[in-house]
C-alpha cells in the first residue's frame, strides 16, 4: 500500500502543473485579457497604457517564460492580485477570508445530507417493493429533480418572506439562523443522490451468492446486514464520497449567490461576471487540487473497505 501512496503523491505535482498550464492558457490567452478588463471601453491595443499594462503583467515575455513564472508563483502560494472584484488585493487574502465560510457550509450540508441519504437508501433496499420503498424513491427523486435556482427562491419566499422565521440572506456563522436554509438546500441534493446510490448498491449485494449462503446458515438479518451487506455496498459509495470531499473548497456558486454568503462560490460568481481572470484561474487550480487529494483519499479507503483491493 505504501509504494502505491508514494507513486500517487509523486504524480500529484505533475497533475497540478498540467492543470495550471491549461487554466493559464485558457485564462490569459482566451478572449480578453488583463488589459481589456482594466481598460474596458477605453481599450486600444496600440495605446501606450495598454502596452504598459501588458509589460507590467509580463505578457510580452515568451509563453514558456510566463508559464514558468506563473508556476513559481503558485508554488509559493502567490496567486496574484484581483483585477476587478477587489482591485489590487492579493487573491490569497481573498481566499483566506472566504474559504472557511465555504468549508463550514459544505461540511454541514455533507454531515446532514450524506448520512440521511445512506440511511434512506438502506431502508428502501431492506423493504424493497413496499410502499415505504416507493415513497422514499419518489420523494428523493422529486427533491433531486428541483433545480437550485428554483428551490432557493421558493425556500426564501416561504420561510423568509411569508413566515418570517428565518433571515433572507447574509452570514452570521454556521450555528446561526442564516445558515439553516443554505445548508438544507445543499443537503437536499446529497440526500437524493446518496439514497438512490445506496439502495442500488445494497440490492446488488443482497443478490450475491455469499449473502444467500450466509442467510442459509442461519445468520440473523441484522448481523447479515452489518457484517456482509453494508461493508460491501459501501465500496461504490466511496467514489461519490471522494467527490463530496473535493467539493468542500469548491463552494456552491448558486446557493452562496442566492443567500448572499461571502464564500468561494460567490467569489467565483463575481470573478466570472467581471472577467477577473486571476481569480478564475486560482479557483480552478484550487478546486482541481482539492479533487486530486480527495481522489487519493478515496483510493486509500477502497483498501480499508476491501482487503482484496489493498493486497492487489
Protein backbone atom coordinates (compact mmCIF):
# COMPACT_ATOMS: atom_id res chain seq x y z
CA UNK A 1 0.00 0.00 0.00
CA UNK A 2 2.84 2.42 0.85
CA UNK A 3 4.50 2.22 -2.62
CA UNK A 4 1.12 2.97 -4.20
CA UNK A 5 0.67 6.05 -1.99
CA UNK A 6 4.19 7.25 -2.84
CA UNK A 7 3.54 6.84 -6.58
CA UNK A 8 0.30 8.79 -6.33
CA UNK A 9 1.95 11.57 -4.35
CA UNK A 10 4.78 11.81 -6.89
CA UNK A 11 2.26 12.15 -9.71
CA UNK A 12 0.32 14.87 -7.89
CA UNK A 13 2.71 17.78 -8.71
CA UNK A 14 2.76 16.69 -12.37
CA UNK A 15 -1.03 16.68 -12.49
CA UNK A 16 -1.30 20.09 -10.84
CA UNK A 17 1.32 21.52 -13.24
CA UNK A 18 -0.71 20.33 -16.23
CA UNK A 19 -3.89 21.80 -14.75
CA UNK A 20 -2.14 25.12 -14.14
CA UNK A 21 -0.88 25.08 -17.74
CA UNK A 22 -4.38 24.52 -19.13
CA UNK A 23 -6.06 27.12 -16.93
CA UNK A 24 -3.23 29.61 -17.51
CA UNK A 25 -3.53 29.22 -21.27
CA UNK A 26 -7.33 29.49 -21.32
CA UNK A 27 -7.39 32.35 -18.84
CA UNK A 28 -4.78 34.62 -20.31
CA UNK A 29 -4.81 33.70 -24.00
CA UNK A 30 -8.54 33.30 -24.42
CA UNK A 31 -10.94 36.13 -25.29
CA UNK A 32 -9.91 39.31 -23.49
CA UNK A 33 -7.06 39.76 -21.04
CA UNK A 34 -5.98 41.86 -18.06
CA UNK A 35 -5.58 44.97 -20.21
CA UNK A 36 -9.08 44.52 -21.71
CA UNK A 37 -10.65 44.02 -18.28
CA UNK A 38 -8.89 47.01 -16.74
CA UNK A 39 -9.48 49.45 -19.58
CA UNK A 40 -12.97 48.37 -20.62
CA UNK A 41 -14.38 50.62 -23.34
CA UNK A 42 -11.15 52.63 -23.38
CA UNK A 43 -9.16 49.62 -24.55
CA UNK A 44 -6.93 50.29 -27.55
CA UNK A 45 -4.44 47.55 -28.47
CA UNK A 46 -1.96 50.14 -29.76
CA UNK A 47 -2.17 52.64 -26.92
CA UNK A 48 0.70 53.30 -24.54
CA UNK A 49 -1.33 52.38 -21.46
CA UNK A 50 -2.20 49.01 -22.99
CA UNK A 51 1.46 48.33 -23.65
CA UNK A 52 2.31 49.43 -20.12
CA UNK A 53 -0.25 47.02 -18.59
CA UNK A 54 0.99 44.16 -20.76
CA UNK A 55 4.56 44.89 -19.70
CA UNK A 56 3.50 45.08 -16.04
CA UNK A 57 1.89 41.63 -16.26
CA UNK A 58 4.84 40.25 -18.23
CA UNK A 59 2.61 39.37 -21.16
CA UNK A 60 5.26 40.45 -23.67
CA UNK A 61 7.57 37.66 -22.48
CA UNK A 62 7.66 34.31 -24.34
CA UNK A 63 4.84 31.95 -23.29
CA UNK A 64 7.27 29.47 -21.71
CA UNK A 65 8.78 32.19 -19.53
CA UNK A 66 5.32 33.36 -18.45
CA UNK A 67 4.24 29.85 -17.57
CA UNK A 68 7.38 29.09 -15.55
CA UNK A 69 6.97 32.37 -13.66
CA UNK A 70 3.32 31.58 -13.05
CA UNK A 71 4.22 28.08 -11.84
CA UNK A 72 6.81 29.50 -9.47
CA UNK A 73 4.31 31.98 -8.07
CA UNK A 74 1.74 29.24 -7.48
CA UNK A 75 4.33 27.07 -5.77
CA UNK A 76 4.83 29.90 -3.26
CA UNK A 77 1.04 30.41 -2.95
CA UNK A 78 1.23 33.70 -4.77
CA UNK A 79 -1.94 33.77 -6.87
CA UNK A 80 -1.55 37.37 -7.98
CA UNK A 81 -3.91 40.28 -7.38
CA UNK A 82 -7.55 40.75 -8.18
CA UNK A 83 -8.29 42.91 -11.22
CA UNK A 84 -11.90 43.89 -10.57
CA UNK A 85 -13.62 42.15 -7.61
CA UNK A 86 -11.23 43.66 -5.05
CA UNK A 87 -8.81 45.60 -7.23
CA UNK A 88 -5.15 45.12 -6.34
CA UNK A 89 -5.98 42.93 -3.34
CA UNK A 90 -3.98 39.67 -3.18
CA UNK A 91 -6.10 36.70 -4.16
CA UNK A 92 -4.58 34.63 -1.35
CA UNK A 93 -6.11 37.08 1.15
CA UNK A 94 -9.50 36.85 -0.56
CA UNK A 95 -9.36 33.06 -0.36
CA UNK A 96 -8.26 33.13 3.28
CA UNK A 97 -11.32 35.24 4.10
CA UNK A 98 -13.85 33.18 2.17
CA UNK A 99 -12.56 29.61 2.29
CA UNK A 100 -13.52 28.98 5.97
CA UNK A 101 -17.10 30.02 5.23
CA UNK A 102 -17.38 27.64 2.29
CA UNK A 103 -15.78 24.76 4.21
CA UNK A 104 -18.24 25.24 7.10
CA UNK A 105 -21.22 25.41 4.76
CA UNK A 106 -20.17 22.39 2.69
CA UNK A 107 -19.19 20.29 5.71
CA UNK A 108 -22.51 20.99 7.45
CA UNK A 109 -24.50 20.01 4.36
CA UNK A 110 -22.42 16.83 3.99
CA UNK A 111 -22.85 15.85 7.64
CA UNK A 112 -26.59 16.29 7.28
CA UNK A 113 -27.25 15.04 3.76
CA UNK A 114 -24.92 12.06 3.32
CA UNK A 115 -25.85 10.05 6.48
CA UNK A 116 -29.54 10.75 5.88
CA UNK A 117 -29.28 9.70 2.22
CA UNK A 118 -27.40 6.49 3.07
CA UNK A 119 -29.91 5.63 5.80
CA UNK A 120 -32.88 6.17 3.48
CA UNK A 121 -31.18 4.06 0.81
CA UNK A 122 -30.61 1.17 3.21
CA UNK A 123 -34.21 1.35 4.45
CA UNK A 124 -35.56 1.44 0.89
CA UNK A 125 -33.47 -1.58 -0.13
CA UNK A 126 -34.42 -3.51 3.01
CA UNK A 127 -38.13 -3.03 2.26
CA UNK A 128 -37.82 -3.35 -1.50
CA UNK A 129 -41.11 -3.12 -3.38
CA UNK A 130 -43.06 -1.86 -0.36
CA UNK A 131 -44.95 1.41 -0.03
CA UNK A 132 -42.09 2.75 2.10
CA UNK A 133 -39.59 1.93 -0.63
CA UNK A 134 -41.66 3.64 -3.31
CA UNK A 135 -42.25 6.67 -1.08
CA UNK A 136 -38.54 7.11 -0.40
CA UNK A 137 -37.59 6.77 -4.06
CA UNK A 138 -40.33 9.17 -5.19
CA UNK A 139 -39.57 11.84 -2.59
CA UNK A 140 -35.78 11.74 -3.04
CA UNK A 141 -36.09 11.78 -6.83
CA UNK A 142 -38.53 14.69 -6.67
CA UNK A 143 -36.23 16.70 -4.39
CA UNK A 144 -33.22 15.87 -6.52
CA UNK A 145 -35.02 16.99 -9.69
CA UNK A 146 -35.80 20.51 -8.43
CA UNK A 147 -33.07 22.92 -9.65
CA UNK A 148 -31.32 25.00 -7.02
CA UNK A 149 -32.32 28.12 -8.95
CA UNK A 150 -35.96 27.21 -8.32
CA UNK A 151 -35.72 25.66 -4.84
CA UNK A 152 -33.74 28.57 -3.36
CA UNK A 153 -36.30 31.32 -4.14
CA UNK A 154 -39.14 29.02 -3.00
CA UNK A 155 -37.50 28.48 0.40
CA UNK A 156 -36.78 32.20 0.72
CA UNK A 157 -40.37 33.09 -0.15
CA UNK A 158 -41.84 30.66 2.40
CA UNK A 159 -39.51 30.95 5.39
CA UNK A 160 -38.14 34.47 4.99
CA UNK A 161 -40.97 36.20 3.14
CA UNK A 162 -44.25 34.79 4.43
CA UNK A 163 -43.41 33.08 7.73
CA UNK A 164 -40.51 35.44 8.54
CA UNK A 165 -38.86 32.93 10.82
CA UNK A 166 -35.50 32.83 9.02
CA UNK A 167 -33.30 35.58 7.56
CA UNK A 168 -33.34 36.13 3.81
CA UNK A 169 -29.58 36.01 3.47
CA UNK A 170 -26.24 37.01 4.90
CA UNK A 171 -23.84 35.03 7.02
CA UNK A 172 -23.52 35.09 10.82
CA UNK A 173 -21.73 31.77 11.26
CA UNK A 174 -22.58 28.11 10.79
CA UNK A 175 -24.54 27.94 14.07
CA UNK A 176 -26.72 30.94 13.22
CA UNK A 177 -30.20 31.06 11.70
CA UNK A 178 -28.74 32.42 8.46
CA UNK A 179 -27.09 29.04 7.77
CA UNK A 180 -30.26 26.93 8.03
CA UNK A 181 -31.74 27.50 4.56
CA UNK A 182 -28.50 27.22 2.54
CA UNK A 183 -27.45 24.09 4.44
CA UNK A 184 -30.85 22.47 3.87
CA UNK A 185 -30.75 23.42 0.19
CA UNK A 186 -27.29 21.93 -0.33
CA UNK A 187 -28.04 18.84 1.77
CA UNK A 188 -31.23 18.04 -0.16
CA UNK A 189 -29.28 17.22 -3.30
CA UNK A 190 -26.96 14.90 -1.35
CA UNK A 191 -29.92 13.10 0.23
CA UNK A 192 -31.49 12.27 -3.12
CA UNK A 193 -28.25 11.18 -4.77
CA UNK A 194 -26.91 9.02 -1.96
CA UNK A 195 -30.29 7.42 -1.26
CA UNK A 196 -30.55 6.08 -4.80
CA UNK A 197 -26.91 5.01 -4.99
CA UNK A 198 -27.08 3.25 -1.62
CA UNK A 199 -30.32 1.48 -2.49
CA UNK A 200 -28.88 0.16 -5.75
CA UNK A 201 -25.63 -0.96 -4.05
CA UNK A 202 -27.40 -2.73 -1.20
CA UNK A 203 -29.78 -4.52 -3.57
CA UNK A 204 -26.82 -5.64 -5.68
CA UNK A 205 -25.05 -7.09 -2.64
CA UNK A 206 -28.23 -8.72 -1.29
CA UNK A 207 -28.44 -10.72 -4.52
CA UNK A 208 -24.91 -12.09 -4.15
CA UNK A 209 -24.21 -15.79 -3.59
CA UNK A 210 -22.32 -15.27 -0.32
CA UNK A 211 -25.27 -13.38 1.16
CA UNK A 212 -27.65 -16.20 0.28
CA UNK A 213 -25.17 -18.68 1.77
CA UNK A 214 -24.86 -16.70 4.99
CA UNK A 215 -28.64 -16.46 5.26
CA UNK A 216 -28.98 -20.23 4.66
CA UNK A 217 -26.52 -20.87 7.51
CA UNK A 218 -28.88 -19.10 9.87
CA UNK A 219 -27.16 -15.73 10.22
CA UNK A 220 -29.61 -13.13 11.51
CA UNK A 221 -30.72 -10.35 9.18
CA UNK A 222 -29.16 -7.74 11.45
CA UNK A 223 -25.75 -9.45 11.51
CA UNK A 224 -26.02 -10.16 7.79
CA UNK A 225 -26.63 -6.50 7.06
CA UNK A 226 -23.83 -5.23 9.32
CA UNK A 227 -21.16 -7.86 8.65
CA UNK A 228 -21.62 -8.53 4.93
CA UNK A 229 -24.03 -6.22 3.13
CA UNK A 230 -23.18 -2.72 4.32
CA UNK A 231 -19.41 -3.12 4.10
CA UNK A 232 -19.52 -4.34 0.51
CA UNK A 233 -22.29 -1.96 -0.52
CA UNK A 234 -20.23 0.93 0.79
CA UNK A 235 -17.46 0.43 -1.78
CA UNK A 236 -19.30 2.11 -4.72
CA UNK A 237 -20.18 4.99 -2.38
CA UNK A 238 -16.52 5.78 -1.71
CA UNK A 239 -16.17 7.32 -5.16
CA UNK A 240 -19.03 9.70 -4.52
CA UNK A 241 -17.72 10.49 -1.05
CA UNK A 242 -14.44 11.45 -2.71
CA UNK A 243 -16.26 13.93 -4.93
CA UNK A 244 -18.01 15.31 -1.84
CA UNK A 245 -14.67 15.82 -0.09
CA UNK A 246 -13.29 17.54 -3.17
CA UNK A 247 -16.20 19.97 -3.26
CA UNK A 248 -15.50 21.17 0.30
CA UNK A 249 -13.44 24.08 -1.03
CA UNK A 250 -15.28 24.48 -4.33
CA UNK A 251 -18.24 26.36 -2.93
CA UNK A 252 -21.84 26.39 -4.09
CA UNK A 253 -21.93 29.15 -6.68
CA UNK A 254 -25.71 29.43 -6.97
CA UNK A 255 -26.53 28.85 -3.29
CA UNK A 256 -23.95 31.30 -1.98
CA UNK A 257 -25.06 33.91 -4.50
CA UNK A 258 -28.77 33.48 -3.73
CA UNK A 259 -28.25 33.81 0.02
CA UNK A 260 -25.51 36.48 -0.18
CA UNK A 261 -22.95 34.26 1.54
CA UNK A 262 -19.39 35.58 1.09
CA UNK A 263 -17.83 32.21 0.28
CA UNK A 264 -15.75 30.75 -2.52
CA UNK A 265 -18.77 30.09 -4.72
CA UNK A 266 -19.85 33.72 -4.64
CA UNK A 267 -16.26 34.81 -5.22
CA UNK A 268 -16.24 32.64 -8.34
CA UNK A 269 -19.54 34.14 -9.50
CA UNK A 270 -18.23 37.67 -9.03
CA UNK A 271 -14.99 36.81 -10.83
CA UNK A 272 -16.80 35.24 -13.81
CA UNK A 273 -19.26 38.13 -14.01
CA UNK A 274 -16.44 40.69 -14.06
CA UNK A 275 -13.94 38.57 -16.05
CA UNK A 276 -11.42 38.70 -13.22
CA UNK A 277 -9.13 36.08 -14.80
CA UNK A 278 -6.55 35.77 -11.99
CA UNK A 279 -9.30 34.78 -9.53
CA UNK A 280 -10.91 32.38 -12.03
CA UNK A 281 -7.60 30.63 -12.66
CA UNK A 282 -6.74 30.47 -8.95
CA UNK A 283 -10.14 29.00 -8.04
CA UNK A 284 -9.89 26.45 -10.85
CA UNK A 285 -6.45 25.29 -9.70
CA UNK A 286 -7.52 25.14 -6.06
CA UNK A 287 -10.62 23.10 -6.94
CA UNK A 288 -8.60 20.71 -9.13
CA UNK A 289 -6.04 20.27 -6.36
CA UNK A 290 -8.74 19.50 -3.79
CA UNK A 291 -10.34 16.89 -6.07
CA UNK A 292 -6.95 15.29 -6.71
CA UNK A 293 -6.35 14.96 -2.97
CA UNK A 294 -9.90 13.71 -2.42
CA UNK A 295 -9.47 11.02 -5.09
CA UNK A 296 -6.27 9.88 -3.40
CA UNK A 297 -8.08 9.64 -0.07
CA UNK A 298 -10.93 7.72 -1.75
CA UNK A 299 -8.44 5.22 -3.24
CA UNK A 300 -6.98 4.64 0.21
CA UNK A 301 -10.45 3.98 1.62
CA UNK A 302 -11.01 1.36 -1.06
CA UNK A 303 -8.22 -0.67 0.52
CA UNK A 304 -9.69 -0.17 4.00
CA UNK A 305 -13.15 -1.30 2.91
CA UNK A 306 -11.94 -4.29 0.88
CA UNK A 307 -8.67 -6.05 1.82
CA UNK A 308 -8.54 -7.66 -1.63
CA UNK A 309 -8.04 -4.22 -3.18
CA UNK A 310 -5.33 -3.38 -0.63
CA UNK A 311 -3.37 -6.57 -1.29
CA UNK A 312 -3.60 -6.16 -5.06
